[in-house]
Amino acid sequence: MGQYTKMIVAVAFAALQAGIAAFGGDAHMDPVEWVNIAIAGATVLGVYYGPNSPAAPYTKAVFAGLMAALMAAVAVADNGFQSEDLKTVGIAAFNAVLVFLFPNSGQ
């Protein structure tokens, strides 16, 4: 996968987030699900544009972690953190862990 490994991981998890929002649960998507999809897309952009050098080895993972925290904040602001929010926030947090664990060839 080369120098785009971290971005590929982020794209896969963004697609998973979008799939869960679109096909999981109720028949329509509410504004919180749209915001979470936008956050997942911003995660992909942050991981893509973050520095890919040994001088900044954690930037991409930190950005993905901040986006996971933002998803949790959206869930709390909407209706308080509930059990169904664990899936969305857990996937976002797992994305941040995998972005950290999977090395790019440029690092």
N, C-alpha and C. Protein backbone atom coordinates (compact mmCIF):
# COMPACT_ATOMS: atom_id res chain seq x y z
N MET A 1 0.81 -1.19 0.00
CA MET A 1 0.00 0.00 0.00
C MET A 1 0.86 1.26 0.00
N GLY A 2 2.07 1.15 0.48
CA GLY A 2 3.02 2.23 0.32
C GLY A 2 2.77 3.44 1.20
N GLN A 3 2.94 4.59 0.58
CA GLN A 3 2.86 5.83 1.34
C GLN A 3 1.42 6.26 1.64
N TYR A 4 0.43 5.54 1.15
CA TYR A 4 -0.97 5.90 1.36
C TYR A 4 -1.69 4.94 2.30
N THR A 5 -0.96 4.13 3.05
CA THR A 5 -1.58 3.13 3.92
C THR A 5 -2.51 3.78 4.94
N LYS A 6 -2.05 4.80 5.61
CA LYS A 6 -2.86 5.45 6.64
C LYS A 6 -4.12 6.07 6.02
N MET A 7 -4.00 6.66 4.85
CA MET A 7 -5.16 7.25 4.20
C MET A 7 -6.16 6.17 3.78
N ILE A 8 -5.67 5.04 3.30
CA ILE A 8 -6.56 3.94 2.91
C ILE A 8 -7.35 3.45 4.11
N VAL A 9 -6.68 3.33 5.26
CA VAL A 9 -7.37 2.93 6.48
C VAL A 9 -8.45 3.95 6.83
N ALA A 10 -8.11 5.24 6.76
CA ALA A 10 -9.08 6.29 7.08
C ALA A 10 -10.26 6.28 6.11
N VAL A 11 -10.01 6.05 4.83
CA VAL A 11 -11.10 6.00 3.84
C VAL A 11 -12.01 4.80 4.12
N ALA A 12 -11.42 3.66 4.45
CA ALA A 12 -12.23 2.47 4.75
C ALA A 12 -13.15 2.72 5.95
N PHE A 13 -12.62 3.36 6.98
CA PHE A 13 -13.45 3.62 8.15
C PHE A 13 -14.47 4.72 7.89
N ALA A 14 -14.16 5.68 7.04
CA ALA A 14 -15.15 6.70 6.67
C ALA A 14 -16.30 6.05 5.90
N ALA A 15 -15.98 5.12 5.03
CA ALA A 15 -17.01 4.39 4.29
C ALA A 15 -17.86 3.55 5.24
N LEU A 16 -17.22 2.94 6.23
CA LEU A 16 -17.96 2.17 7.24
C LEU A 16 -18.89 3.08 8.03
N GLN A 17 -18.40 4.26 8.42
CA GLN A 17 -19.25 5.22 9.15
C GLN A 17 -20.45 5.63 8.30
N ALA A 18 -20.22 5.90 7.03
CA ALA A 18 -21.31 6.30 6.14
C ALA A 18 -22.31 5.16 5.96
N GLY A 19 -21.81 3.94 5.83
CA GLY A 19 -22.70 2.79 5.69
C GLY A 19 -23.55 2.56 6.91
N ILE A 20 -22.96 2.72 8.08
CA ILE A 20 -23.73 2.56 9.31
C ILE A 20 -24.79 3.65 9.41
N ALA A 21 -24.43 4.87 9.06
CA ALA A 21 -25.40 5.97 9.12
C ALA A 21 -26.54 5.75 8.12
N ALA A 22 -26.21 5.28 6.93
CA ALA A 22 -27.22 5.14 5.88
C ALA A 22 -28.10 3.91 6.06
N PHE A 23 -27.51 2.81 6.47
CA PHE A 23 -28.25 1.55 6.47
C PHE A 23 -28.56 1.00 7.85
N GLY A 24 -27.98 1.57 8.88
CA GLY A 24 -28.23 1.07 10.23
C GLY A 24 -29.34 1.85 10.90
N GLY A 25 -30.19 1.14 11.59
CA GLY A 25 -31.21 1.83 12.37
C GLY A 25 -32.43 2.24 11.57
N ASP A 26 -32.80 3.51 11.70
CA ASP A 26 -34.05 3.99 11.12
C ASP A 26 -33.95 4.22 9.62
N ALA A 27 -35.10 4.52 9.04
CA ALA A 27 -35.20 4.62 7.58
C ALA A 27 -34.64 5.91 7.01
N HIS A 28 -34.43 6.92 7.85
CA HIS A 28 -33.90 8.18 7.34
C HIS A 28 -32.68 8.60 8.16
N MET A 29 -31.87 9.43 7.55
CA MET A 29 -30.66 9.91 8.24
C MET A 29 -30.97 11.24 8.91
N ASP A 30 -30.62 11.34 10.18
CA ASP A 30 -30.85 12.60 10.90
C ASP A 30 -29.62 13.50 10.78
N PRO A 31 -29.72 14.74 11.20
CA PRO A 31 -28.59 15.67 11.06
C PRO A 31 -27.32 15.21 11.76
N VAL A 32 -27.45 14.52 12.88
CA VAL A 32 -26.26 14.04 13.60
C VAL A 32 -25.50 13.02 12.76
N GLU A 33 -26.21 12.16 12.05
CA GLU A 33 -25.54 11.20 11.18
C GLU A 33 -24.83 11.90 10.02
N TRP A 34 -25.43 12.95 9.49
CA TRP A 34 -24.76 13.72 8.43
C TRP A 34 -23.50 14.40 8.97
N VAL A 35 -23.58 14.92 10.18
CA VAL A 35 -22.41 15.56 10.79
C VAL A 35 -21.31 14.53 11.01
N ASN A 36 -21.67 13.35 11.46
CA ASN A 36 -20.66 12.29 11.66
C ASN A 36 -20.01 11.88 10.34
N ILE A 37 -20.76 11.84 9.26
CA ILE A 37 -20.18 11.53 7.95
C ILE A 37 -19.22 12.65 7.54
N ALA A 38 -19.60 13.90 7.81
CA ALA A 38 -18.71 15.02 7.49
C ALA A 38 -17.43 14.94 8.32
N ILE A 39 -17.54 14.56 9.59
CA ILE A 39 -16.36 14.41 10.44
C ILE A 39 -15.47 13.29 9.92
N ALA A 40 -16.08 12.19 9.49
CA ALA A 40 -15.30 11.08 8.92
C ALA A 40 -14.57 11.54 7.66
N GLY A 41 -15.23 12.34 6.84
CA GLY A 41 -14.57 12.89 5.65
C GLY A 41 -13.43 13.83 6.01
N ALA A 42 -13.62 14.64 7.05
CA ALA A 42 -12.56 15.53 7.51
C ALA A 42 -11.39 14.72 8.07
N THR A 43 -11.68 13.58 8.66
CA THR A 43 -10.61 12.70 9.14
C THR A 43 -9.75 12.23 7.98
N VAL A 44 -10.39 11.83 6.90
CA VAL A 44 -9.64 11.39 5.72
C VAL A 44 -8.75 12.52 5.21
N LEU A 45 -9.29 13.72 5.13
CA LEU A 45 -8.48 14.85 4.65
C LEU A 45 -7.32 15.15 5.59
N GLY A 46 -7.56 15.10 6.88
CA GLY A 46 -6.48 15.34 7.84
C GLY A 46 -5.39 14.30 7.79
N VAL A 47 -5.80 13.05 7.62
CA VAL A 47 -4.81 11.97 7.52
C VAL A 47 -4.05 12.10 6.21
N TYR A 48 -4.71 12.47 5.15
CA TYR A 48 -4.05 12.62 3.86
C TYR A 48 -3.05 13.78 3.86
N TYR A 49 -3.48 14.93 4.38
CA TYR A 49 -2.64 16.12 4.31
C TYR A 49 -1.67 16.26 5.48
N GLY A 50 -1.79 15.42 6.49
CA GLY A 50 -0.85 15.46 7.60
C GLY A 50 0.55 15.08 7.13
N PRO A 51 1.58 15.58 7.81
CA PRO A 51 2.95 15.27 7.38
C PRO A 51 3.25 13.78 7.44
N ASN A 52 3.99 13.31 6.48
CA ASN A 52 4.36 11.90 6.39
C ASN A 52 5.89 11.81 6.50
N SER A 53 6.39 12.12 7.70
CA SER A 53 7.83 12.13 7.87
C SER A 53 8.19 11.62 9.25
N PRO A 54 9.41 11.14 9.42
CA PRO A 54 9.84 10.67 10.74
C PRO A 54 9.85 11.79 11.79
N ALA A 55 9.91 13.04 11.35
CA ALA A 55 9.90 14.15 12.30
C ALA A 55 8.52 14.37 12.93
N ALA A 56 7.48 13.89 12.29
CA ALA A 56 6.11 14.04 12.81
C ALA A 56 5.37 12.71 12.71
N PRO A 57 5.78 11.69 13.49
CA PRO A 57 5.20 10.36 13.32
C PRO A 57 3.77 10.21 13.85
N TYR A 58 3.32 11.11 14.70
CA TYR A 58 2.02 10.92 15.35
C TYR A 58 0.94 11.87 14.85
N THR A 59 1.27 12.76 13.94
CA THR A 59 0.32 13.80 13.52
C THR A 59 -0.96 13.20 12.95
N LYS A 60 -0.85 12.23 12.08
CA LYS A 60 -2.03 11.64 11.45
C LYS A 60 -2.91 10.94 12.48
N ALA A 61 -2.31 10.21 13.41
CA ALA A 61 -3.08 9.51 14.44
C ALA A 61 -3.73 10.50 15.41
N VAL A 62 -3.03 11.55 15.76
CA VAL A 62 -3.59 12.55 16.66
C VAL A 62 -4.79 13.23 16.01
N PHE A 63 -4.68 13.54 14.73
CA PHE A 63 -5.80 14.15 14.03
C PHE A 63 -6.99 13.20 14.00
N ALA A 64 -6.78 11.93 13.72
CA ALA A 64 -7.88 10.96 13.70
C ALA A 64 -8.48 10.82 15.10
N GLY A 65 -7.65 10.87 16.14
CA GLY A 65 -8.16 10.81 17.50
C GLY A 65 -9.00 12.03 17.86
N LEU A 66 -8.57 13.20 17.42
CA LEU A 66 -9.36 14.42 17.66
C LEU A 66 -10.71 14.34 16.96
N MET A 67 -10.74 13.78 15.77
CA MET A 67 -12.01 13.63 15.06
C MET A 67 -12.92 12.63 15.78
N ALA A 68 -12.35 11.58 16.37
CA ALA A 68 -13.16 10.64 17.16
C ALA A 68 -13.74 11.35 18.38
N ALA A 69 -12.94 12.20 19.02
CA ALA A 69 -13.43 12.97 20.16
C ALA A 69 -14.53 13.93 19.73
N LEU A 70 -14.40 14.49 18.53
CA LEU A 70 -15.44 15.39 18.02
C LEU A 70 -16.74 14.63 17.78
N MET A 71 -16.66 13.40 17.29
CA MET A 71 -17.87 12.59 17.13
C MET A 71 -18.53 12.32 18.47
N ALA A 72 -17.72 12.05 19.49
CA ALA A 72 -18.27 11.84 20.83
C ALA A 72 -18.94 13.11 21.34
N ALA A 73 -18.33 14.26 21.08
CA ALA A 73 -18.91 15.53 21.51
C ALA A 73 -20.24 15.80 20.82
N VAL A 74 -20.34 15.46 19.55
CA VAL A 74 -21.59 15.62 18.82
C VAL A 74 -22.67 14.74 19.43
N ALA A 75 -22.32 13.51 19.78
CA ALA A 75 -23.28 12.59 20.38
C ALA A 75 -23.77 13.12 21.73
N VAL A 76 -22.86 13.64 22.53
CA VAL A 76 -23.23 14.19 23.84
C VAL A 76 -24.10 15.43 23.67
N ALA A 77 -23.76 16.29 22.73
CA ALA A 77 -24.52 17.51 22.53
C ALA A 77 -25.92 17.23 21.99
N ASP A 78 -26.06 16.16 21.23
CA ASP A 78 -27.35 15.85 20.63
C ASP A 78 -28.36 15.38 21.68
N ASN A 79 -28.04 14.31 22.38
CA ASN A 79 -29.02 13.76 23.32
C ASN A 79 -28.35 13.07 24.51
N GLY A 80 -27.14 13.46 24.81
CA GLY A 80 -26.40 12.75 25.84
C GLY A 80 -25.85 11.47 25.26
N PHE A 81 -24.78 10.99 25.81
CA PHE A 81 -24.14 9.79 25.26
C PHE A 81 -24.99 8.58 25.60
N GLN A 82 -25.43 7.86 24.58
CA GLN A 82 -26.27 6.68 24.77
C GLN A 82 -25.57 5.46 24.19
N SER A 83 -26.12 4.30 24.45
CA SER A 83 -25.46 3.06 24.04
C SER A 83 -25.31 2.95 22.52
N GLU A 84 -26.24 3.47 21.74
CA GLU A 84 -26.10 3.37 20.28
C GLU A 84 -24.97 4.26 19.75
N ASP A 85 -24.55 5.24 20.55
CA ASP A 85 -23.42 6.09 20.14
C ASP A 85 -22.09 5.36 20.26
N LEU A 86 -22.05 4.29 21.04
CA LEU A 86 -20.81 3.54 21.21
C LEU A 86 -20.29 2.99 19.89
N LYS A 87 -21.19 2.58 19.02
CA LYS A 87 -20.78 2.01 17.73
C LYS A 87 -20.05 3.06 16.89
N THR A 88 -20.64 4.22 16.75
CA THR A 88 -20.05 5.27 15.92
C THR A 88 -18.74 5.77 16.51
N VAL A 89 -18.74 6.07 17.79
CA VAL A 89 -17.54 6.60 18.43
C VAL A 89 -16.47 5.52 18.53
N GLY A 90 -16.86 4.28 18.77
CA GLY A 90 -15.90 3.17 18.84
C GLY A 90 -15.20 2.94 17.52
N ILE A 91 -15.96 3.01 16.43
CA ILE A 91 -15.36 2.85 15.10
C ILE A 91 -14.38 3.98 14.82
N ALA A 92 -14.75 5.20 15.20
CA ALA A 92 -13.86 6.34 14.98
C ALA A 92 -12.59 6.21 15.82
N ALA A 93 -12.74 5.74 17.06
CA ALA A 93 -11.56 5.55 17.91
C ALA A 93 -10.67 4.43 17.38
N PHE A 94 -11.28 3.35 16.90
CA PHE A 94 -10.52 2.25 16.32
C PHE A 94 -9.79 2.70 15.06
N ASN A 95 -10.41 3.59 14.30
CA ASN A 95 -9.76 4.18 13.13
C ASN A 95 -8.49 4.90 13.55
N ALA A 96 -8.57 5.70 14.62
CA ALA A 96 -7.38 6.43 15.09
C ALA A 96 -6.28 5.47 15.51
N VAL A 97 -6.64 4.38 16.16
CA VAL A 97 -5.64 3.38 16.59
C VAL A 97 -4.98 2.74 15.37
N LEU A 98 -5.78 2.38 14.37
CA LEU A 98 -5.21 1.74 13.19
C LEU A 98 -4.38 2.71 12.36
N VAL A 99 -4.78 3.98 12.31
CA VAL A 99 -3.96 4.97 11.62
C VAL A 99 -2.60 5.07 12.30
N PHE A 100 -2.60 4.96 13.62
CA PHE A 100 -1.34 4.99 14.35
C PHE A 100 -0.51 3.72 14.08
N LEU A 101 -1.15 2.56 14.07
CA LEU A 101 -0.43 1.30 13.96
C LEU A 101 0.08 0.98 12.56
N PHE A 102 -0.66 1.34 11.52
CA PHE A 102 -0.24 1.02 10.17
C PHE A 102 0.77 2.05 9.68
N PRO A 103 1.98 1.62 9.36
CA PRO A 103 3.00 2.58 8.92
C PRO A 103 2.88 2.88 7.43
N ASN A 104 3.21 4.09 7.09
CA ASN A 104 3.37 4.45 5.67
C ASN A 104 4.81 4.12 5.30
N SER A 105 5.08 3.91 4.05
CA SER A 105 6.44 3.57 3.63
C SER A 105 7.37 4.76 3.78
N GLY A 106 6.84 5.97 3.85
CA GLY A 106 7.66 7.16 4.01
C GLY A 106 8.10 7.41 5.43
N GLN A 107 7.67 6.54 6.37
CA GLN A 107 8.03 6.75 7.78
C GLN A 107 9.03 5.74 8.23
